[in-house]
Each structure stands twice: as structure tokens, then as C-alpha cells.
C-alpha atoms as a PDB file:
ATOM      1  CA  LEU A   1     151.070  40.657  41.106  1.00  0.00           C
ATOM      2  CA  ASP A   2     149.198  41.894  44.173  1.00  0.00           C
ATOM      3  CA  HIS A   3     151.724  43.282  46.624  1.00  0.00           C
ATOM      4  CA  GLU A   4     149.315  42.706  49.500  1.00  0.00           C
ATOM      5  CA  LYS A   5     149.562  38.873  49.021  1.00  0.00           C
ATOM      6  CA  SER A   6     152.535  36.532  49.382  1.00  0.00           C
ATOM      7  CA  LEU A   7     154.521  35.620  46.339  1.00  0.00           C
ATOM      8  CA  ALA A   8     154.096  31.899  47.040  1.00  0.00           C
ATOM      9  CA  SER A   9     150.324  32.156  47.004  1.00  0.00           C
ATOM     10  CA  GLN A  10     150.334  34.067  43.759  1.00  0.00           C
ATOM     11  CA  ARG A  11     152.609  31.694  41.978  1.00  0.00           C
ATOM     12  CA  LYS A  12     150.508  28.719  42.974  1.00  0.00           C
ATOM     13  CA  ASN A  13     147.324  30.305  41.648  1.00  0.00           C
ATOM     14  CA  LYS A  14     148.959  31.878  38.526  1.00  0.00           C
ATOM     15  CA  SER A  15     148.403  28.783  36.272  1.00  0.00           C
ATOM     16  CA  GLY A  16     144.759  28.408  37.429  1.00  0.00           C
ATOM     17  CA  VAL A  17     145.202  24.653  37.489  1.00  0.00           C
ATOM     18  CA  SER A  18     145.114  22.855  40.797  1.00  0.00           C
ATOM     19  CA  ASN A  19     146.407  19.378  41.544  1.00  0.00           C
ATOM     20  CA  ALA A  20     144.161  19.203  44.549  1.00  0.00           C
ATOM     21  CA  GLY A  21     142.023  16.330  43.175  1.00  0.00           C
ATOM     22  CA  PRO A  22     139.692  15.661  40.329  1.00  0.00           C
ATOM     23  CA  VAL A  23     137.386  18.336  38.956  1.00  0.00           C
ATOM     24  CA  LEU A  24     134.030  18.274  40.628  1.00  0.00           C
ATOM     25  CA  LYS A  25     132.035  16.968  37.644  1.00  0.00           C
ATOM     26  CA  ASN A  26     134.432  13.949  37.549  1.00  0.00           C
ATOM     27  CA  ASP A  27     134.728  13.399  41.345  1.00  0.00           C
ATOM     28  CA  SER A  28     133.298  10.081  42.136  1.00  0.00           C
ATOM     29  CA  GLU A  29     131.445  11.495  45.124  1.00  0.00           C
ATOM     30  CA  TYR A  30     129.665  14.275  43.187  1.00  0.00           C
ATOM     31  CA  SER A  31     129.608  13.146  39.579  1.00  0.00           C
ATOM     32  CA  LYS A  32     126.226  11.629  39.991  1.00  0.00           C
ATOM     33  CA  TYR A  33     124.674  15.015  40.891  1.00  0.00           C
ATOM     34  CA  PHE A  34     126.299  16.931  38.005  1.00  0.00           C
ATOM     35  CA  LYS A  35     125.008  14.193  35.665  1.00  0.00           C
ATOM     36  CA  MET A  36     121.490  14.797  37.032  1.00  0.00           C
ATOM     37  CA  LEU A  37     121.919  18.470  36.199  1.00  0.00           C
ATOM     38  CA  LYS A  38     123.183  17.636  32.742  1.00  0.00           C
ATOM     39  CA  MET A  39     119.995  15.561  32.202  1.00  0.00           C
ATOM     40  CA  LYS A  40     118.027  18.797  32.890  1.00  0.00           C
ATOM     41  CA  LEU A  41     116.652  17.846  36.390  1.00  0.00           C
ATOM     42  CA  PRO A  42     115.724  20.914  38.296  1.00  0.00           C
ATOM     43  CA  LEU A  43     118.410  22.335  40.618  1.00  0.00           C
ATOM     44  CA  GLY A  44     116.118  21.905  43.629  1.00  0.00           C
ATOM     45  CA  ALA A  45     115.558  18.317  42.949  1.00  0.00           C
ATOM     46  CA  VAL A  46     119.240  17.700  42.648  1.00  0.00           C
ATOM     47  CA  MET A  47     119.941  19.667  45.816  1.00  0.00           C
ATOM     48  CA  GLN A  48     117.276  17.620  47.701  1.00  0.00           C
ATOM     49  CA  ALA A  49     118.896  14.417  46.475  1.00  0.00           C
ATOM     50  CA  MET A  50     122.274  15.605  47.784  1.00  0.00           C
ATOM     51  CA  VAL A  51     120.715  16.376  51.142  1.00  0.00           C
ATOM     52  CA  LYS A  52     118.983  13.010  51.235  1.00  0.00           C
ATOM     53  CA  ASP A  53     122.368  11.359  50.587  1.00  0.00           C
ATOM     54  CA  GLY A  54     124.037  13.380  53.381  1.00  0.00           C
ATOM     55  CA  LYS A  55     126.063  15.644  51.080  1.00  0.00           C
ATOM     56  CA  ASP A  56     126.508  19.361  51.159  1.00  0.00           C
ATOM     57  CA  ALA A  57     124.134  20.816  48.538  1.00  0.00           C
ATOM     58  CA  THR A  58     126.134  24.021  48.204  1.00  0.00           C
ATOM     59  CA  ILE A  59     128.643  22.058  46.145  1.00  0.00           C
ATOM     60  CA  LEU A  60     126.441  22.633  43.093  1.00  0.00           C
ATOM     61  CA  GLU A  61     127.144  26.374  43.348  1.00  0.00           C
ATOM     62  CA  LEU A  62     130.870  25.743  42.704  1.00  0.00           C
ATOM     63  CA  ASP A  63     132.543  25.555  39.351  1.00  0.00           C
ATOM     64  CA  PRO A  64     132.320  21.955  38.101  1.00  0.00           C
ATOM     65  CA  GLU A  65     135.513  22.427  36.094  1.00  0.00           C
ATOM     66  CA  LYS A  66     137.677  22.946  39.280  1.00  0.00           C
ATOM     67  CA  SER A  67     138.485  20.650  42.144  1.00  0.00           C
ATOM     68  CA  LEU A  68     136.608  20.889  45.470  1.00  0.00           C
ATOM     69  CA  ALA A  69     139.850  21.545  47.448  1.00  0.00           C
ATOM     70  CA  SER A  70     140.869  24.406  45.123  1.00  0.00           C
ATOM     71  CA  GLN A  71     137.562  26.108  45.618  1.00  0.00           C
ATOM     72  CA  ARG A  72     137.124  25.615  49.309  1.00  0.00           C
ATOM     73  CA  LYS A  73     140.515  27.063  50.186  1.00  0.00           C
ATOM     74  CA  SER A  74     139.885  30.504  51.841  1.00  0.00           C
ATOM     75  CA  ASP A  75     141.733  33.627  51.065  1.00  0.00           C
ATOM     76  CA  SER A  76     143.126  33.643  54.643  1.00  0.00           C
ATOM     77  CA  ASP A  77     144.806  30.287  54.005  1.00  0.00           C
ATOM     78  CA  VAL A  78     146.413  31.623  50.885  1.00  0.00           C
ATOM     79  CA  SER A  79     147.730  34.772  52.494  1.00  0.00           C
ATOM     80  CA  ASN A  80     149.437  32.859  55.354  1.00  0.00           C
ATOM     81  CA  GLU A  81     151.935  31.249  53.047  1.00  0.00           C
ATOM     82  CA  GLY A  82     154.508  33.997  53.755  1.00  0.00           C
ATOM     83  CA  PRO A  83     154.738  37.701  54.054  1.00  0.00           C
ATOM     84  CA  ALA A  84     153.128  40.133  51.606  1.00  0.00           C
ATOM     85  CA  ILE A  85     155.462  40.943  48.838  1.00  0.00           C
ATOM     86  CA  LYS A  86     155.796  44.495  49.964  1.00  0.00           C
ATOM     87  CA  ASP A  87     156.929  43.200  53.381  1.00  0.00           C
ATOM     88  CA  ASP A  88     159.241  40.411  52.042  1.00  0.00           C
ATOM     89  CA  PRO A  89     162.819  41.327  52.776  1.00  0.00           C
ATOM     90  CA  GLU A  90     163.899  40.312  49.291  1.00  0.00           C
ATOM     91  CA  TYR A  91     161.421  42.658  47.543  1.00  0.00           C
ATOM     92  CA  SER A  92     160.757  45.436  50.073  1.00  0.00           C
ATOM     93  CA  LYS A  93     163.568  47.559  48.746  1.00  0.00           C
ATOM     94  CA  TYR A  94     161.764  47.919  45.472  1.00  0.00           C
ATOM     95  CA  PHE A  95     158.606  49.120  47.089  1.00  0.00           C
ATOM     96  CA  LYS A  96     160.587  51.826  48.830  1.00  0.00           C
ATOM     97  CA  MET A  97     161.399  53.213  45.353  1.00  0.00           C
ATOM     98  CA  LEU A  98     157.657  53.746  44.528  1.00  0.00           C
END
């Protein structure tokens, strides 16, 4: 565990599986574009189609095996879920022993 991050944030991310929605390649809003890539269309053409449809083309740079919400959550959001482990009253006594 990283003692600079909260325990809650590390437990949530430990499994690597997020229940924050469908994986990108199966998301009804973006599956069309990942199918285009699977059919070997050039990335630029798929990005242009996304822009034409009013979608954010940077979605294609994300992992299609994870949900959009799990990948868009910033590190600052994760760290605000409680004190860092070293500052947590329950665990701070152990860090004093180091």
C-alpha cells in the first residue's frame, strides 16, 4: 500500500475492476467507434467520425477494457477520500515505529 494515499482509495482500486459502467468497447455511446477500429479503419478517420458526431475523440486513447468513469477519475479525486494512511489516527502509530 502507498502510505501517501488514503486506505479507502487503495481498497477501491485494488481489485482493478470498476462498477462504474460498461467497458468502453461495449458502451452504447462508443461501441460504434471501437468496432470501426476493429474493422481496421485508420485512427484518424475514426477520430474524425467522433468529432463529426459531437463526441470527444480522446476517448480512443483510453483502455477499451475499462469503463469511462473509472479512467476519467483523477488522482486528486481518489486522494480526497480520507487522510493518507500515515496520517490516519488508526495507523499513524505504526508509521512512528519506522
